[in-house]
Amino acid sequence: MNEALIANLRAQCGGPRDGALLRFSLGNALLGAGDAAGAAIELKQAVVFDPAYSAAWKLLGKASLALGDKAGAAEAWRQGIAVAQARGDKQAEKEMTVFLKRLG
């Protein structure tokens, strides 16, 4: 199931539906499949498409941490916290604040 989903999402990249949501979905699926490196690439692309996408920043932090990149995880979560605060997304802000504290 996950392989088919990943293949379907990849097929849409570069097309008219390409954007933050597609890249977030692909990154989420890749992370769920254990491909943290692939997930990080797609999640970085998601925040390029939409720098105010707090959920993408949160997942990028998780992917970075899974790769052993603590500095990258911390930076993603800091960016995500700033975005969440600006958008009033209190839940995302709280979650990333907890992740950042656990990291430090």
C-alpha atoms as a PDB file:
ATOM      1  CA  MET A   1       0.000   0.000   0.000  1.00  0.00           C
ATOM      2  CA  ASN A   2       2.655   2.499   1.027  1.00  0.00           C
ATOM      3  CA  GLU A   3       4.782   1.711  -2.047  1.00  0.00           C
ATOM      4  CA  ALA A   4       1.814   2.352  -4.333  1.00  0.00           C
ATOM      5  CA  LEU A   5       1.018   5.592  -2.522  1.00  0.00           C
ATOM      6  CA  ILE A   6       4.627   6.754  -2.781  1.00  0.00           C
ATOM      7  CA  ALA A   7       4.744   5.898  -6.479  1.00  0.00           C
ATOM      8  CA  ASN A   8       1.483   7.753  -7.102  1.00  0.00           C
ATOM      9  CA  LEU A   9       2.688  10.848  -5.241  1.00  0.00           C
ATOM     10  CA  ARG A  10       6.064  10.822  -7.013  1.00  0.00           C
ATOM     11  CA  ALA A  11       4.291  10.621 -10.365  1.00  0.00           C
ATOM     12  CA  GLN A  12       2.549  13.916  -9.585  1.00  0.00           C
ATOM     13  CA  CYS A  13       5.741  15.810  -8.709  1.00  0.00           C
ATOM     14  CA  GLY A  14       6.601  18.399 -11.318  1.00  0.00           C
ATOM     15  CA  GLY A  15       3.062  18.447 -12.661  1.00  0.00           C
ATOM     16  CA  PRO A  16       0.222  20.922 -12.221  1.00  0.00           C
ATOM     17  CA  ARG A  17      -0.630  19.546  -8.759  1.00  0.00           C
ATOM     18  CA  ASP A  18       2.909  19.894  -7.439  1.00  0.00           C
ATOM     19  CA  GLY A  19       3.095  22.016  -4.327  1.00  0.00           C
ATOM     20  CA  ALA A  20       3.528  22.052  -0.588  1.00  0.00           C
ATOM     21  CA  LEU A  21       0.712  19.619   0.174  1.00  0.00           C
ATOM     22  CA  LEU A  22       1.919  17.056  -2.376  1.00  0.00           C
ATOM     23  CA  ARG A  23       5.500  17.245  -1.122  1.00  0.00           C
ATOM     24  CA  PHE A  24       4.337  17.067   2.499  1.00  0.00           C
ATOM     25  CA  SER A  25       2.248  13.994   1.714  1.00  0.00           C
ATOM     26  CA  LEU A  26       5.153  12.343  -0.084  1.00  0.00           C
ATOM     27  CA  GLY A  27       7.546  13.201   2.748  1.00  0.00           C
ATOM     28  CA  ASN A  28       5.113  11.808   5.304  1.00  0.00           C
ATOM     29  CA  ALA A  29       4.716   8.576   3.322  1.00  0.00           C
ATOM     30  CA  LEU A  30       8.477   8.213   2.884  1.00  0.00           C
ATOM     31  CA  LEU A  31       9.102   8.795   6.588  1.00  0.00           C
ATOM     32  CA  GLY A  32       6.455   6.215   7.413  1.00  0.00           C
ATOM     33  CA  ALA A  33       8.225   3.777   5.094  1.00  0.00           C
ATOM     34  CA  GLY A  34      11.529   4.343   6.879  1.00  0.00           C
ATOM     35  CA  ASP A  35      13.135   6.554   4.221  1.00  0.00           C
ATOM     36  CA  ALA A  36      14.102   9.539   6.354  1.00  0.00           C
ATOM     37  CA  ALA A  37      16.570  10.851   3.759  1.00  0.00           C
ATOM     38  CA  GLY A  38      13.948  10.858   1.006  1.00  0.00           C
ATOM     39  CA  ALA A  39      11.424  12.364   3.396  1.00  0.00           C
ATOM     40  CA  ALA A  40      13.781  15.207   4.314  1.00  0.00           C
ATOM     41  CA  ILE A  41      14.293  16.075   0.641  1.00  0.00           C
ATOM     42  CA  GLU A  42      10.557  16.250  -0.013  1.00  0.00           C
ATOM     43  CA  LEU A  43       9.785  18.144   3.188  1.00  0.00           C
ATOM     44  CA  LYS A  44      12.461  20.730   2.381  1.00  0.00           C
ATOM     45  CA  GLN A  45      10.751  21.166  -0.967  1.00  0.00           C
ATOM     46  CA  ALA A  46       7.393  21.543   0.804  1.00  0.00           C
ATOM     47  CA  VAL A  47       8.658  24.484   2.866  1.00  0.00           C
ATOM     48  CA  VAL A  48      10.152  26.046  -0.264  1.00  0.00           C
ATOM     49  CA  PHE A  49       6.678  25.943  -1.824  1.00  0.00           C
ATOM     50  CA  ASP A  50       5.086  27.254   1.394  1.00  0.00           C
ATOM     51  CA  PRO A  51       7.430  28.594   4.098  1.00  0.00           C
ATOM     52  CA  ALA A  52       4.398  29.079   6.392  1.00  0.00           C
ATOM     53  CA  TYR A  53       3.497  25.358   6.434  1.00  0.00           C
ATOM     54  CA  SER A  54       4.078  24.554  10.122  1.00  0.00           C
ATOM     55  CA  ALA A  55       3.227  20.854   9.764  1.00  0.00           C
ATOM     56  CA  ALA A  56       5.947  20.484   7.122  1.00  0.00           C
ATOM     57  CA  TRP A  57       8.502  22.133   9.413  1.00  0.00           C
ATOM     58  CA  LYS A  58       7.473  19.784  12.223  1.00  0.00           C
ATOM     59  CA  LEU A  59       7.859  16.688  10.061  1.00  0.00           C
ATOM     60  CA  LEU A  60      11.125  17.980   8.592  1.00  0.00           C
ATOM     61  CA  GLY A  61      12.448  18.164  12.141  1.00  0.00           C
ATOM     62  CA  LYS A  62      11.415  14.562  12.752  1.00  0.00           C
ATOM     63  CA  ALA A  63      13.038  13.409   9.496  1.00  0.00           C
ATOM     64  CA  SER A  64      16.231  15.298  10.343  1.00  0.00           C
ATOM     65  CA  LEU A  65      16.330  13.736  13.787  1.00  0.00           C
ATOM     66  CA  ALA A  66      15.824  10.277  12.270  1.00  0.00           C
ATOM     67  CA  LEU A  67      18.917  10.978  10.160  1.00  0.00           C
ATOM     68  CA  GLY A  68      20.906  11.910  13.261  1.00  0.00           C
ATOM     69  CA  ASP A  69      20.973  15.581  12.270  1.00  0.00           C
ATOM     70  CA  LYS A  70      20.146  17.186  15.603  1.00  0.00           C
ATOM     71  CA  ALA A  71      21.149  20.665  14.439  1.00  0.00           C
ATOM     72  CA  GLY A  72      18.910  20.343  11.377  1.00  0.00           C
ATOM     73  CA  ALA A  73      16.034  19.104  13.509  1.00  0.00           C
ATOM     74  CA  ALA A  74      16.441  21.992  15.938  1.00  0.00           C
ATOM     75  CA  GLU A  75      16.544  24.536  13.112  1.00  0.00           C
ATOM     76  CA  ALA A  76      13.445  23.060  11.439  1.00  0.00           C
ATOM     77  CA  TRP A  77      11.547  23.160  14.710  1.00  0.00           C
ATOM     78  CA  ARG A  78      12.661  26.742  15.431  1.00  0.00           C
ATOM     79  CA  GLN A  79      11.423  27.780  11.991  1.00  0.00           C
ATOM     80  CA  GLY A  80       8.206  25.842  12.573  1.00  0.00           C
ATOM     81  CA  ILE A  81       7.628  27.445  15.960  1.00  0.00           C
ATOM     82  CA  ALA A  82       8.034  30.914  14.445  1.00  0.00           C
ATOM     83  CA  VAL A  83       5.598  30.047  11.648  1.00  0.00           C
ATOM     84  CA  ALA A  84       3.103  28.505  14.063  1.00  0.00           C
ATOM     85  CA  GLN A  85       3.245  31.568  16.310  1.00  0.00           C
ATOM     86  CA  ALA A  86       2.661  33.877  13.351  1.00  0.00           C
ATOM     87  CA  ARG A  87      -0.338  31.824  12.214  1.00  0.00           C
ATOM     88  CA  GLY A  88      -1.764  31.270  15.693  1.00  0.00           C
ATOM     89  CA  ASP A  89      -1.296  27.498  15.411  1.00  0.00           C
ATOM     90  CA  LYS A  90      -0.938  26.865  19.142  1.00  0.00           C
ATOM     91  CA  GLN A  91      -0.944  23.048  18.944  1.00  0.00           C
ATOM     92  CA  ALA A  92       1.907  22.878  16.427  1.00  0.00           C
ATOM     93  CA  GLU A  93       3.811  25.477  18.424  1.00  0.00           C
ATOM     94  CA  LYS A  94       3.455  23.435  21.632  1.00  0.00           C
ATOM     95  CA  GLU A  95       4.471  20.171  19.966  1.00  0.00           C
ATOM     96  CA  MET A  96       7.591  21.604  18.350  1.00  0.00           C
ATOM     97  CA  THR A  97       8.540  23.406  21.554  1.00  0.00           C
ATOM     98  CA  VAL A  98       8.409  20.057  23.392  1.00  0.00           C
ATOM     99  CA  PHE A  99      10.466  18.355  20.650  1.00  0.00           C
ATOM    100  CA  LEU A 100      13.055  21.146  20.812  1.00  0.00           C
ATOM    101  CA  LYS A 101      13.315  20.936  24.611  1.00  0.00           C
ATOM    102  CA  ARG A 102      13.763  17.151  24.482  1.00  0.00           C
ATOM    103  CA  LEU A 103      16.505  17.600  21.920  1.00  0.00           C
ATOM    104  CA  GLY A 104      18.429  20.081  24.058  1.00  0.00           C
END
